Amino acid sequence: MTSIVTLTVNPAIDYSAETDQVVPALEIRTRRERFDPGGGGINVARVVHALGGRVRAIYAIGGLTGPVFEGLFARTGVPSRVVTIAGDTRIAHTVRELSTGHEFRFTPEGPTLSLAECEALFQAVVAEPGDWLVLSGSLAPGVPAEFYARIIHAVRPRGTRVALDTSGAALYHALEAGVDLVKPNKRELEHLLGRRAPTPAEEEALARELAASGRAGIVALSLGRRGAVLASGNLLWRVAAPEVPTASTIGAGDSFVGAMVLKLARGEPVEKAFLFGMAAGAAAAITPGTELCRPADVEWLYGELLQRAGAPSAGSA
């Protein structure tokens, strides 16, 4: 079976809860508290594992909160390779306000990594073979913006395919190194290419432009409730999102990436991998708090998408 490796430079203990109303300066009582190991690559690994794929997660943790994270991650059953750092692993906090449906997310910047810790993380990734490497999530303070790009240059010569889901300078530099799959959202793609895309046609034009630039073989532009756009070679395809009740959008993008990479790693056509990713993203929206997609929901929504969307021909738009 094909193996997938994920990297999480800046993982987090994800705490989620809900309350009736968020009111300033008052004690706000919450319920349905939940703790999960989080961060982009961590979530991707959890999804791949839940969907039956073979995956290993590489991540950096440390300080007083590091053992808590490790205990939470051990419950997932996902194989891992840990790089120990001095700083405290961050704790991210999300509260859902039931009266409005709004989510309030508080995301710390995370611990500062030393150059020696960055190098240890780099060496851990290079030493872990895999057919696919998923670079997902933000870089912690102290990590050079070119860090992902350096990893790509190290693993691509041995045939490893790379999927990327990040933002800012890390996204720019990694794309300059070249990746096989990138999943930006609209804001990230607009910032990357330097212009706005106020219409669907302009969104598709940006996705096609990035795919044609040679920096990414496959572009999966996620548009939230409006679905997603796939651009690869001569293929341009917009698919509407499944209509599902939204409990929380946390982890939806990571679920998309994990499911799509899993299908690609198994040799499935890019169109089917794209729909499977969309199904996983929608399935994650059904679950509360920091819970990710459930396999049964993914398969159900994937079947719905296959029936509704069919498969485009090359050059379709």
Protein backbone atom coordinates (compact mmCIF):
# COMPACT_ATOMS: atom_id res chain seq x y z
CA MET A 1 0.00 0.00 0.00
CA THR A 2 1.24 3.50 -0.81
CA SER A 3 2.56 5.50 2.14
CA ILE A 4 1.89 9.13 3.02
CA VAL A 5 3.99 11.29 5.33
CA THR A 6 2.70 14.49 6.87
CA LEU A 7 4.67 17.31 8.49
CA THR A 8 3.30 19.63 11.17
CA VAL A 9 5.79 22.29 12.22
CA ASN A 10 3.41 24.06 14.60
CA PRO A 11 0.88 21.59 16.06
CA ALA A 12 -1.72 22.56 18.62
CA ILE A 13 -3.89 21.11 21.30
CA ASP A 14 -7.30 21.99 19.86
CA TYR A 15 -9.88 22.83 22.51
CA SER A 16 -13.47 23.40 21.40
CA ALA A 17 -16.67 24.11 23.27
CA GLU A 18 -20.05 25.76 22.81
CA THR A 19 -22.06 28.35 24.69
CA ASP A 20 -25.40 30.07 24.25
CA GLN A 21 -24.00 33.57 23.80
CA VAL A 22 -20.61 35.30 23.91
CA VAL A 23 -20.92 38.48 25.96
CA PRO A 24 -17.93 40.75 26.76
CA ALA A 25 -16.81 41.10 30.38
CA LEU A 26 -19.06 38.32 31.66
CA GLU A 27 -18.22 34.83 32.82
CA ILE A 28 -19.21 32.62 29.90
CA ARG A 29 -20.02 29.04 30.77
CA THR A 30 -19.31 26.45 28.10
CA ARG A 31 -20.30 22.84 27.52
CA ARG A 32 -19.50 19.94 25.19
CA GLU A 33 -15.80 20.57 25.72
CA ARG A 34 -13.49 18.55 23.50
CA PHE A 35 -9.72 18.23 23.17
CA ASP A 36 -7.99 16.93 20.04
CA PRO A 37 -4.47 16.91 18.63
CA GLY A 38 -4.48 19.50 15.87
CA GLY A 39 -2.51 21.40 13.29
CA GLY A 40 -2.62 21.00 9.51
CA GLY A 41 -0.49 17.90 9.00
CA ILE A 42 -1.80 16.27 12.18
CA ASN A 43 -5.38 16.58 10.94
CA VAL A 44 -4.44 15.32 7.49
CA ALA A 45 -2.79 12.26 9.05
CA ARG A 46 -5.83 11.59 11.23
CA VAL A 47 -8.10 11.70 8.18
CA VAL A 48 -5.89 9.45 6.05
CA HIS A 49 -5.68 6.93 8.89
CA ALA A 50 -9.44 7.00 9.51
CA LEU A 51 -10.06 6.37 5.81
CA GLY A 52 -7.80 3.31 5.79
CA GLY A 53 -4.57 4.79 4.43
CA ARG A 54 -1.03 4.13 5.60
CA VAL A 55 0.40 7.33 7.03
CA ARG A 56 3.06 8.62 9.40
CA ALA A 57 2.90 12.03 11.06
CA ILE A 58 6.06 14.00 11.81
CA TYR A 59 5.68 16.89 14.22
CA ALA A 60 7.49 19.05 16.79
CA ILE A 61 6.22 19.28 20.36
CA GLY A 62 7.65 20.35 23.67
CA GLY A 63 7.42 22.13 27.00
CA LEU A 64 4.77 21.47 29.63
CA THR A 65 2.01 20.96 27.07
CA GLY A 66 3.99 18.58 24.85
CA PRO A 67 3.12 15.44 26.87
CA VAL A 68 -0.57 16.42 26.81
CA PHE A 69 -0.47 16.65 23.04
CA GLU A 70 1.36 13.33 22.83
CA GLY A 71 -1.28 11.66 24.98
CA LEU A 72 -4.07 12.97 22.79
CA PHE A 73 -2.30 11.94 19.61
CA ALA A 74 -1.59 8.44 20.93
CA ARG A 75 -5.36 7.84 21.07
CA THR A 76 -5.60 8.24 17.28
CA GLY A 77 -3.41 5.22 16.55
CA VAL A 78 -1.52 7.11 13.85
CA PRO A 79 2.20 6.20 13.65
CA SER A 80 4.40 9.19 14.37
CA ARG A 81 7.91 10.54 14.50
CA VAL A 82 8.39 13.25 17.13
CA VAL A 83 10.97 16.02 17.27
CA THR A 84 11.25 17.45 20.77
CA ILE A 85 11.58 21.21 21.18
CA ALA A 86 12.03 23.43 24.22
CA GLY A 87 8.95 25.62 23.81
CA ASP A 88 5.43 24.84 24.95
CA THR A 89 3.14 23.35 22.32
CA ARG A 90 0.35 25.87 21.68
CA ILE A 91 -3.30 25.50 22.71
CA ALA A 92 -5.93 26.73 20.25
CA HIS A 93 -9.41 27.59 21.51
CA THR A 94 -12.68 27.63 19.58
CA VAL A 95 -16.11 28.51 20.96
CA ARG A 96 -19.32 28.12 18.98
CA GLU A 97 -22.07 30.60 19.87
CA LEU A 98 -25.33 28.69 19.59
CA SER A 99 -27.55 31.77 19.38
CA THR A 100 -25.90 32.92 16.13
CA GLY A 101 -23.97 29.89 14.85
CA HIS A 102 -20.78 31.97 14.87
CA GLU A 103 -17.43 30.39 15.71
CA PHE A 104 -14.87 32.35 17.69
CA ARG A 105 -11.37 31.03 17.10
CA PHE A 106 -8.30 31.95 19.14
CA THR A 107 -5.08 30.67 17.61
CA PRO A 108 -1.73 31.38 19.33
CA GLU A 109 1.38 31.89 17.22
CA GLY A 110 3.11 28.97 18.93
CA PRO A 111 6.61 28.41 20.34
CA THR A 112 9.75 29.83 18.76
CA LEU A 113 12.00 27.14 17.28
CA SER A 114 15.77 27.45 17.35
CA LEU A 115 17.86 26.84 14.24
CA ALA A 116 18.98 23.52 15.74
CA GLU A 117 15.35 22.48 16.25
CA CYS A 118 14.51 23.47 12.67
CA GLU A 119 17.39 21.36 11.43
CA ALA A 120 16.28 18.38 13.51
CA LEU A 121 12.79 18.66 12.01
CA PHE A 122 14.23 18.91 8.49
CA GLN A 123 16.38 15.81 9.02
CA ALA A 124 13.40 13.87 10.41
CA VAL A 125 11.39 14.56 7.25
CA VAL A 126 14.22 13.75 4.88
CA ALA A 127 14.86 10.47 6.70
CA GLU A 128 11.22 9.33 6.40
CA PRO A 129 10.46 7.73 3.01
CA GLY A 130 7.03 8.14 1.50
CA ASP A 131 5.37 8.27 -1.89
CA TRP A 132 3.57 11.46 -0.84
CA LEU A 133 4.64 14.20 1.57
CA VAL A 134 1.98 16.60 2.85
CA LEU A 135 3.30 19.96 4.05
CA SER A 136 0.36 21.50 5.87
CA GLY A 137 -0.14 24.30 8.34
CA SER A 138 1.67 27.41 9.47
CA LEU A 139 5.35 27.71 10.26
CA ALA A 140 6.21 28.39 13.89
CA PRO A 141 8.13 31.53 14.87
CA GLY A 142 11.83 31.11 14.20
CA VAL A 143 11.29 28.80 11.21
CA PRO A 144 12.56 30.34 7.94
CA ALA A 145 9.91 31.13 5.33
CA GLU A 146 11.87 28.93 2.89
CA PHE A 147 11.65 25.88 5.16
CA TYR A 148 9.03 24.02 3.13
CA ALA A 149 10.87 24.88 -0.10
CA ARG A 150 14.08 23.43 1.29
CA ILE A 151 12.28 20.20 2.14
CA ILE A 152 10.76 20.01 -1.34
CA HIS A 153 14.17 20.37 -2.97
CA ALA A 154 15.45 17.54 -0.74
CA VAL A 155 12.67 14.98 -1.34
CA ARG A 156 11.61 15.56 -4.94
CA PRO A 157 14.74 13.98 -6.51
CA ARG A 158 13.85 10.62 -4.92
CA GLY A 159 10.39 10.66 -6.50
CA THR A 160 8.32 11.83 -3.54
CA ARG A 161 5.23 13.77 -4.58
CA VAL A 162 4.37 16.84 -2.52
CA ALA A 163 1.02 18.27 -1.44
CA LEU A 164 0.96 21.77 0.05
CA ASP A 165 -1.56 23.62 2.21
CA THR A 166 -0.16 26.75 3.83
CA SER A 167 -0.24 30.51 3.38
CA GLY A 168 1.85 33.67 3.18
CA ALA A 169 5.55 33.61 2.45
CA ALA A 170 5.77 29.87 3.12
CA LEU A 171 3.24 29.25 0.33
CA TYR A 172 5.10 31.50 -2.10
CA HIS A 173 8.53 29.94 -1.54
CA ALA A 174 7.20 26.37 -1.59
CA LEU A 175 5.44 26.95 -4.90
CA GLU A 176 8.64 28.36 -6.35
CA ALA A 177 10.20 24.97 -5.57
CA GLY A 178 7.25 23.24 -7.28
CA VAL A 179 4.58 20.93 -5.84
CA ASP A 180 2.23 18.27 -7.19
CA LEU A 181 -0.88 19.52 -5.39
CA VAL A 182 -1.77 22.79 -3.70
CA LYS A 183 -5.06 23.64 -1.97
CA PRO A 184 -5.36 27.39 -1.49
CA ASN A 185 -8.50 29.19 -0.46
CA LYS A 186 -9.66 32.22 -2.43
CA ARG A 187 -7.92 34.79 -0.25
CA GLU A 188 -4.62 32.92 -0.39
CA LEU A 189 -4.78 32.56 -4.17
CA GLU A 190 -5.64 36.24 -4.64
CA HIS A 191 -2.74 37.29 -2.44
CA LEU A 192 -0.37 34.91 -4.19
CA LEU A 193 -1.18 36.12 -7.70
CA GLY A 194 -1.64 39.75 -6.74
CA ARG A 195 -5.19 40.47 -7.87
CA ARG A 196 -8.77 40.06 -6.76
CA ALA A 197 -11.23 37.56 -8.21
CA PRO A 198 -14.73 38.98 -7.58
CA THR A 199 -16.51 36.67 -10.07
CA PRO A 200 -16.56 32.90 -10.60
CA ALA A 201 -14.89 33.34 -14.00
CA GLU A 202 -12.03 35.26 -12.40
CA GLU A 203 -11.67 32.63 -9.68
CA GLU A 204 -11.31 29.98 -12.37
CA ALA A 205 -8.84 32.15 -14.27
CA LEU A 206 -6.60 32.44 -11.19
CA ALA A 207 -6.70 28.68 -10.59
CA ARG A 208 -5.87 28.00 -14.23
CA GLU A 209 -3.05 30.56 -14.15
CA LEU A 210 -1.40 28.92 -11.15
CA ALA A 211 -1.70 25.45 -12.67
CA ALA A 212 -0.26 26.69 -15.98
CA SER A 213 2.68 28.38 -14.26
CA GLY A 214 4.39 25.06 -13.56
CA ARG A 215 4.49 25.72 -9.82
CA ALA A 216 1.70 23.24 -9.04
CA GLY A 217 0.58 20.27 -11.07
CA ILE A 218 -2.89 20.27 -9.49
CA VAL A 219 -4.68 23.26 -8.02
CA ALA A 220 -7.70 22.59 -5.79
CA LEU A 221 -9.20 25.98 -4.99
CA SER A 222 -11.51 25.66 -2.00
CA LEU A 223 -14.44 28.09 -1.83
CA GLY A 224 -16.20 26.93 1.34
CA ARG A 225 -19.97 26.67 0.95
CA ARG A 226 -19.65 27.51 -2.76
CA GLY A 227 -17.67 24.36 -3.51
CA ALA A 228 -14.27 24.14 -5.19
CA VAL A 229 -12.44 24.56 -8.49
CA LEU A 230 -10.03 22.01 -9.92
CA ALA A 231 -7.34 23.11 -12.38
CA SER A 232 -4.77 20.70 -13.82
CA GLY A 233 -3.33 20.68 -17.32
CA ASN A 234 -6.22 21.25 -19.72
CA LEU A 235 -8.78 20.44 -17.05
CA LEU A 236 -10.84 23.15 -15.35
CA TRP A 237 -13.80 22.02 -13.26
CA ARG A 238 -16.08 23.78 -10.79
CA VAL A 239 -18.17 21.62 -8.48
CA ALA A 240 -20.80 22.90 -6.06
CA ALA A 241 -20.46 21.85 -2.42
CA PRO A 242 -22.83 19.24 -1.00
CA GLU A 243 -25.62 20.79 1.03
CA VAL A 244 -25.06 19.70 4.61
CA PRO A 245 -25.92 21.17 8.03
CA THR A 246 -22.81 22.87 9.37
CA ALA A 247 -21.83 22.14 12.95
CA SER A 248 -18.24 23.42 12.65
CA THR A 249 -15.84 24.23 9.82
CA ILE A 250 -12.75 23.33 11.86
CA GLY A 251 -10.61 20.81 9.99
CA ALA A 252 -12.68 20.89 6.79
CA GLY A 253 -9.74 22.01 4.67
CA ASP A 254 -7.42 19.45 6.23
CA SER A 255 -10.01 16.73 5.64
CA PHE A 256 -10.19 17.80 1.99
CA VAL A 257 -6.41 17.50 1.60
CA GLY A 258 -6.13 14.18 3.42
CA ALA A 259 -8.87 12.49 1.43
CA MET A 260 -7.70 13.87 -1.92
CA VAL A 261 -4.08 12.83 -1.37
CA LEU A 262 -5.20 9.37 -0.29
CA LYS A 263 -7.07 8.83 -3.58
CA LEU A 264 -4.15 10.18 -5.60
CA ALA A 265 -1.73 7.94 -3.71
CA ARG A 266 -3.91 4.96 -4.62
CA GLY A 267 -3.69 5.85 -8.30
CA GLU A 268 -7.21 7.22 -8.70
CA PRO A 269 -7.89 9.85 -11.39
CA VAL A 270 -7.52 13.45 -10.25
CA GLU A 271 -11.25 14.10 -10.82
CA LYS A 272 -12.29 11.33 -8.41
CA ALA A 273 -9.65 12.38 -5.90
CA PHE A 274 -11.01 15.94 -6.06
CA LEU A 275 -14.58 14.80 -5.39
CA PHE A 276 -13.41 12.57 -2.53
CA GLY A 277 -11.62 15.56 -1.01
CA MET A 278 -14.75 17.67 -1.34
CA ALA A 279 -16.79 14.92 0.31
CA ALA A 280 -14.38 14.77 3.25
CA GLY A 281 -14.43 18.53 3.67
CA ALA A 282 -18.22 18.55 3.75
CA ALA A 283 -18.23 15.57 6.13
CA ALA A 284 -15.97 17.47 8.53
CA ALA A 285 -18.46 20.35 8.57
CA ILE A 286 -21.13 17.98 9.89
CA THR A 287 -19.16 17.05 13.00
CA PRO A 288 -19.03 19.31 16.07
CA GLY A 289 -16.00 21.20 17.35
CA THR A 290 -12.60 19.77 16.53
CA GLU A 291 -13.88 16.37 15.46
CA LEU A 292 -12.88 15.59 11.87
CA CYS A 293 -14.77 13.75 9.11
CA ARG A 294 -16.30 10.33 9.73
CA PRO A 295 -15.63 7.64 7.09
CA ALA A 296 -19.30 6.75 6.66
CA ASP A 297 -20.19 10.38 5.98
CA VAL A 298 -17.32 10.72 3.51
CA GLU A 299 -18.44 7.69 1.51
CA TRP A 300 -22.07 8.84 1.49
CA LEU A 301 -21.20 12.34 0.29
CA TYR A 302 -18.69 11.00 -2.22
CA GLY A 303 -21.42 8.86 -3.74
CA GLU A 304 -23.69 11.90 -3.91
CA LEU A 305 -21.01 13.94 -5.66
CA LEU A 306 -20.19 11.17 -8.13
CA GLN A 307 -23.83 10.89 -9.07
CA ARG A 308 -24.40 14.61 -9.37
CA ALA A 309 -21.12 15.85 -10.83
CA GLY A 310 -20.15 12.96 -13.08
CA ALA A 311 -16.66 13.41 -14.56
CA PRO A 312 -15.50 16.21 -16.87
CA SER A 313 -13.66 15.69 -20.11
CA ALA A 314 -10.24 17.22 -20.70
CA GLY A 315 -10.50 20.89 -21.47
CA SER A 316 -13.93 21.31 -19.90
CA ALA A 317 -14.78 24.40 -17.94
